[in-house]
C-alpha cells in the first residue's frame, strides 16, 4: 500500500468520522428530547443514532489503523491507546487518543446498560459532549490539511449543528412527559407519610 494512499485514507476517514460523530451527537440530543413528527417517529431517531454510532466506530478504526501503519508517522499501536505517548505531534495525537477512549467508554457502557443501570449509563453518556470538541481540536492540531477550506467548512457546519442541538437541549428543559405527575405523586405520598 502506498504512503499517499494511507495518508488520504487516514485524512478521509478522520473527516468522515467527524461528520458521523456530529450526526450521532445531534441525534442523541434529539433522542433525549423525544423529538418526533408525523413523518419521523421517535424510534427512527434512536435507531439511526445507534447505527450511525456503529458506523462512526468503523471509520474511526480505519482512521486509527491507517495512521498507525503509515510509515511516515511511524506511530505504533502504543501511541494509539496511551495518550501523549507519541513522539509525533504528541499533544495533538494525545487529544485524539483521549477522544477515542471516551468513545470506547461510551460503547462499553452502552453494551452494559442493563447491568450498570440507567443513571450510570447516562452519566457516562454525557462524555459525548467532551469527546466531540476534543476530537475537533485533535483534527486541527494533527491534520496536515486542517486549515484547508473544505475541512474548515466541514468543521464549521459540524460545530454549528452540535452547538445548535446543545443549545436547543438546554432551552427545551425537562423532556419527561410524566415529570410533573410523578412529582405530584411523590409529594402526595410524602404528605400522606407525615
Protein backbone atom coordinates (compact mmCIF):
# COMPACT_ATOMS: atom_id res chain seq x y z
CA UNK A 1 0.00 0.00 0.00
CA UNK A 2 1.46 3.36 -0.95
CA UNK A 3 2.16 6.10 1.58
CA UNK A 4 -0.09 8.56 -0.23
CA UNK A 5 -3.00 6.09 -0.17
CA UNK A 6 -2.53 5.66 3.59
CA UNK A 7 -2.37 9.44 4.05
CA UNK A 8 -5.56 10.04 2.04
CA UNK A 9 -7.33 7.19 3.81
CA UNK A 10 -6.33 8.48 7.24
CA UNK A 11 -7.44 12.04 6.46
CA UNK A 12 -10.63 10.97 4.69
CA UNK A 13 -11.61 8.56 7.46
CA UNK A 14 -10.93 11.28 10.03
CA UNK A 15 -13.15 13.78 8.22
CA UNK A 16 -15.92 11.22 7.76
CA UNK A 17 -15.63 10.26 11.43
CA UNK A 18 -16.11 13.92 12.38
CA UNK A 19 -19.27 14.18 10.26
CA UNK A 20 -20.64 10.89 11.59
CA UNK A 21 -19.80 11.74 15.21
CA UNK A 22 -21.55 15.07 14.73
CA UNK A 23 -24.66 13.30 13.44
CA UNK A 24 -24.52 10.88 16.38
CA UNK A 25 -24.33 13.75 18.88
CA UNK A 26 -27.20 15.65 17.22
CA UNK A 27 -29.37 12.53 17.01
CA UNK A 28 -28.56 11.72 20.64
CA UNK A 29 -29.77 15.15 21.66
CA UNK A 30 -32.94 14.72 19.58
CA UNK A 31 -33.50 11.31 21.17
CA UNK A 32 -33.13 12.74 24.66
CA UNK A 33 -35.66 15.43 23.75
CA UNK A 34 -38.06 12.77 22.46
CA UNK A 35 -38.24 14.63 19.15
CA UNK A 36 -40.72 13.28 16.64
CA UNK A 37 -43.18 14.31 13.97
CA UNK A 38 -45.88 12.64 11.93
CA UNK A 39 -43.37 11.70 9.26
CA UNK A 40 -40.49 10.91 11.66
CA UNK A 41 -41.38 8.69 14.64
CA UNK A 42 -39.09 8.68 17.66
CA UNK A 43 -37.87 5.12 17.14
CA UNK A 44 -36.27 6.19 13.84
CA UNK A 45 -34.15 8.76 15.64
CA UNK A 46 -32.97 6.21 18.21
CA UNK A 47 -32.28 3.55 15.57
CA UNK A 48 -30.40 5.96 13.32
CA UNK A 49 -28.43 7.20 16.34
CA UNK A 50 -27.28 3.66 17.18
CA UNK A 51 -26.48 2.69 13.59
CA UNK A 52 -24.53 5.89 12.88
CA UNK A 53 -22.63 5.37 16.14
CA UNK A 54 -21.53 1.95 14.89
CA UNK A 55 -20.58 3.39 11.51
CA UNK A 56 -18.60 6.10 13.30
CA UNK A 57 -16.61 3.40 15.08
CA UNK A 58 -15.87 1.67 11.77
CA UNK A 59 -14.45 4.86 10.24
CA UNK A 60 -12.62 5.69 13.46
CA UNK A 61 -10.99 2.24 13.41
CA UNK A 62 -9.98 2.84 9.79
CA UNK A 63 -8.61 6.28 10.71
CA UNK A 64 -6.54 4.89 13.59
CA UNK A 65 -5.35 1.78 11.74
CA UNK A 66 -4.13 3.64 8.69
CA UNK A 67 -2.41 6.24 10.86
CA UNK A 68 -0.63 3.52 12.83
CA UNK A 69 0.63 1.61 9.78
CA UNK A 70 1.64 4.74 7.85
CA UNK A 71 5.46 4.67 7.75
CA UNK A 72 5.64 8.48 7.67
CA UNK A 73 4.29 8.87 11.20
CA UNK A 74 5.56 5.52 12.49
CA UNK A 75 3.18 5.76 15.45
CA UNK A 76 2.81 2.18 16.59
CA UNK A 77 -0.14 0.77 18.47
CA UNK A 78 1.01 2.01 21.87
CA UNK A 79 0.64 5.62 20.73
CA UNK A 80 -2.88 4.80 19.58
CA UNK A 81 -4.01 3.73 23.06
CA UNK A 82 -1.82 5.62 25.55
CA UNK A 83 -2.40 9.39 25.46
CA UNK A 84 0.62 11.63 24.89
CA UNK A 85 3.00 8.71 24.29
CA UNK A 86 3.75 9.51 20.64
CA UNK A 87 6.82 11.40 19.56
CA UNK A 88 4.90 12.69 16.53
CA UNK A 89 2.71 15.72 17.40
CA UNK A 90 2.46 14.44 20.96
CA UNK A 91 -0.16 16.82 22.33
CA UNK A 92 -2.50 16.69 19.35
CA UNK A 93 -2.35 12.92 18.98
CA UNK A 94 -2.85 12.61 22.72
CA UNK A 95 -6.11 14.52 22.38
CA UNK A 96 -7.18 12.11 19.65
CA UNK A 97 -6.43 9.14 21.91
CA UNK A 98 -8.47 10.74 24.71
CA UNK A 99 -11.43 11.33 22.36
CA UNK A 100 -11.12 7.71 21.19
CA UNK A 101 -11.05 6.38 24.75
CA UNK A 102 -14.09 8.44 25.72
CA UNK A 103 -15.94 6.88 22.81
CA UNK A 104 -14.79 3.40 23.87
CA UNK A 105 -16.19 4.10 27.35
CA UNK A 106 -19.48 5.09 25.74
CA UNK A 107 -19.62 1.89 23.71
CA UNK A 108 -18.75 -0.35 26.66
CA UNK A 109 -21.32 1.29 28.94
CA UNK A 110 -23.94 1.14 26.21
CA UNK A 111 -23.35 -2.58 25.85
CA UNK A 112 -23.60 -2.95 29.63
CA UNK A 113 -26.52 -0.57 30.07
CA UNK A 114 -28.79 -3.24 31.59
CA UNK A 115 -26.04 -4.26 34.01
CA UNK A 116 -24.83 -0.85 35.21
CA UNK A 117 -28.21 0.86 35.27
CA UNK A 118 -29.67 3.85 33.51
CA UNK A 119 -28.18 6.52 35.81
CA UNK A 120 -24.61 5.27 35.41
CA UNK A 121 -25.08 4.83 31.68
CA UNK A 122 -26.49 8.35 31.31
CA UNK A 123 -23.65 9.86 33.37
CA UNK A 124 -21.04 8.23 31.14
CA UNK A 125 -23.04 9.06 28.03
CA UNK A 126 -22.66 12.76 28.77
CA UNK A 127 -18.98 12.30 27.83
CA UNK A 128 -20.07 12.61 24.21
CA UNK A 129 -20.16 16.32 24.81
CA UNK A 130 -16.49 16.14 25.82
CA UNK A 131 -15.29 13.74 23.15
CA UNK A 132 -16.63 15.78 20.25
CA UNK A 133 -14.68 19.03 20.86
CA UNK A 134 -11.57 17.08 21.88
CA UNK A 135 -11.75 15.23 18.55
CA UNK A 136 -12.18 18.51 16.66
CA UNK A 137 -9.15 20.06 18.38
CA UNK A 138 -7.18 16.88 17.63
CA UNK A 139 -8.02 17.28 13.95
CA UNK A 140 -6.94 20.90 13.82
CA UNK A 141 -3.64 20.19 15.55
CA UNK A 142 -2.71 16.96 13.83
CA UNK A 143 -4.05 17.25 10.32
CA UNK A 144 -1.75 18.40 7.56
CA UNK A 145 -4.69 19.89 5.69
CA UNK A 146 -6.54 21.17 8.77
CA UNK A 147 -6.62 24.72 7.50
CA UNK A 148 -7.85 23.85 4.03
CA UNK A 149 -11.13 25.49 3.03
CA UNK A 150 -13.04 22.22 2.64
CA UNK A 151 -12.12 20.92 6.09
CA UNK A 152 -12.76 24.27 7.76
CA UNK A 153 -16.20 24.35 6.10
CA UNK A 154 -16.98 20.82 7.31
CA UNK A 155 -15.83 21.69 10.83
CA UNK A 156 -17.88 24.90 10.91
CA UNK A 157 -21.01 23.08 9.74
CA UNK A 158 -20.44 20.30 12.28
CA UNK A 159 -19.80 22.84 15.04
CA UNK A 160 -22.97 24.73 14.16
CA UNK A 161 -25.02 21.51 14.23
CA UNK A 162 -23.66 20.39 17.60
CA UNK A 163 -23.90 23.90 19.03
CA UNK A 164 -27.50 24.34 17.88
CA UNK A 165 -28.56 20.96 19.22
CA UNK A 166 -26.83 21.55 22.58
CA UNK A 167 -28.42 24.99 22.87
CA UNK A 168 -31.81 23.55 21.99
CA UNK A 169 -31.30 20.85 24.63
CA UNK A 170 -30.55 23.48 27.27
CA UNK A 171 -33.51 25.65 26.27
CA UNK A 172 -36.01 22.80 25.94
CA UNK A 173 -35.92 21.89 29.63
CA UNK A 174 -37.21 18.58 31.01
CA UNK A 175 -38.42 16.15 28.37
CA UNK A 176 -40.06 13.59 30.59
CA UNK A 177 -43.80 13.82 29.88
CA UNK A 178 -44.53 12.25 33.25
CA UNK A 179 -42.22 14.54 35.27
CA UNK A 180 -44.96 16.77 36.67
CA UNK A 181 -47.42 13.94 37.54
CA UNK A 182 -44.57 11.95 39.12
CA UNK A 183 -43.55 14.94 41.25
CA UNK A 184 -47.15 15.48 42.33
CA UNK A 185 -47.49 11.79 43.20
CA UNK A 186 -44.28 11.79 45.28
CA UNK A 187 -45.38 14.91 47.11
CA UNK A 188 -48.75 13.31 47.88
CA UNK A 189 -47.04 10.15 49.15
CA UNK A 190 -44.69 12.15 51.35
CA UNK A 191 -47.61 14.24 52.70
CA UNK A 192 -49.51 11.03 53.49
CA UNK A 193 -46.50 9.51 55.29
CA UNK A 194 -46.24 12.51 57.60
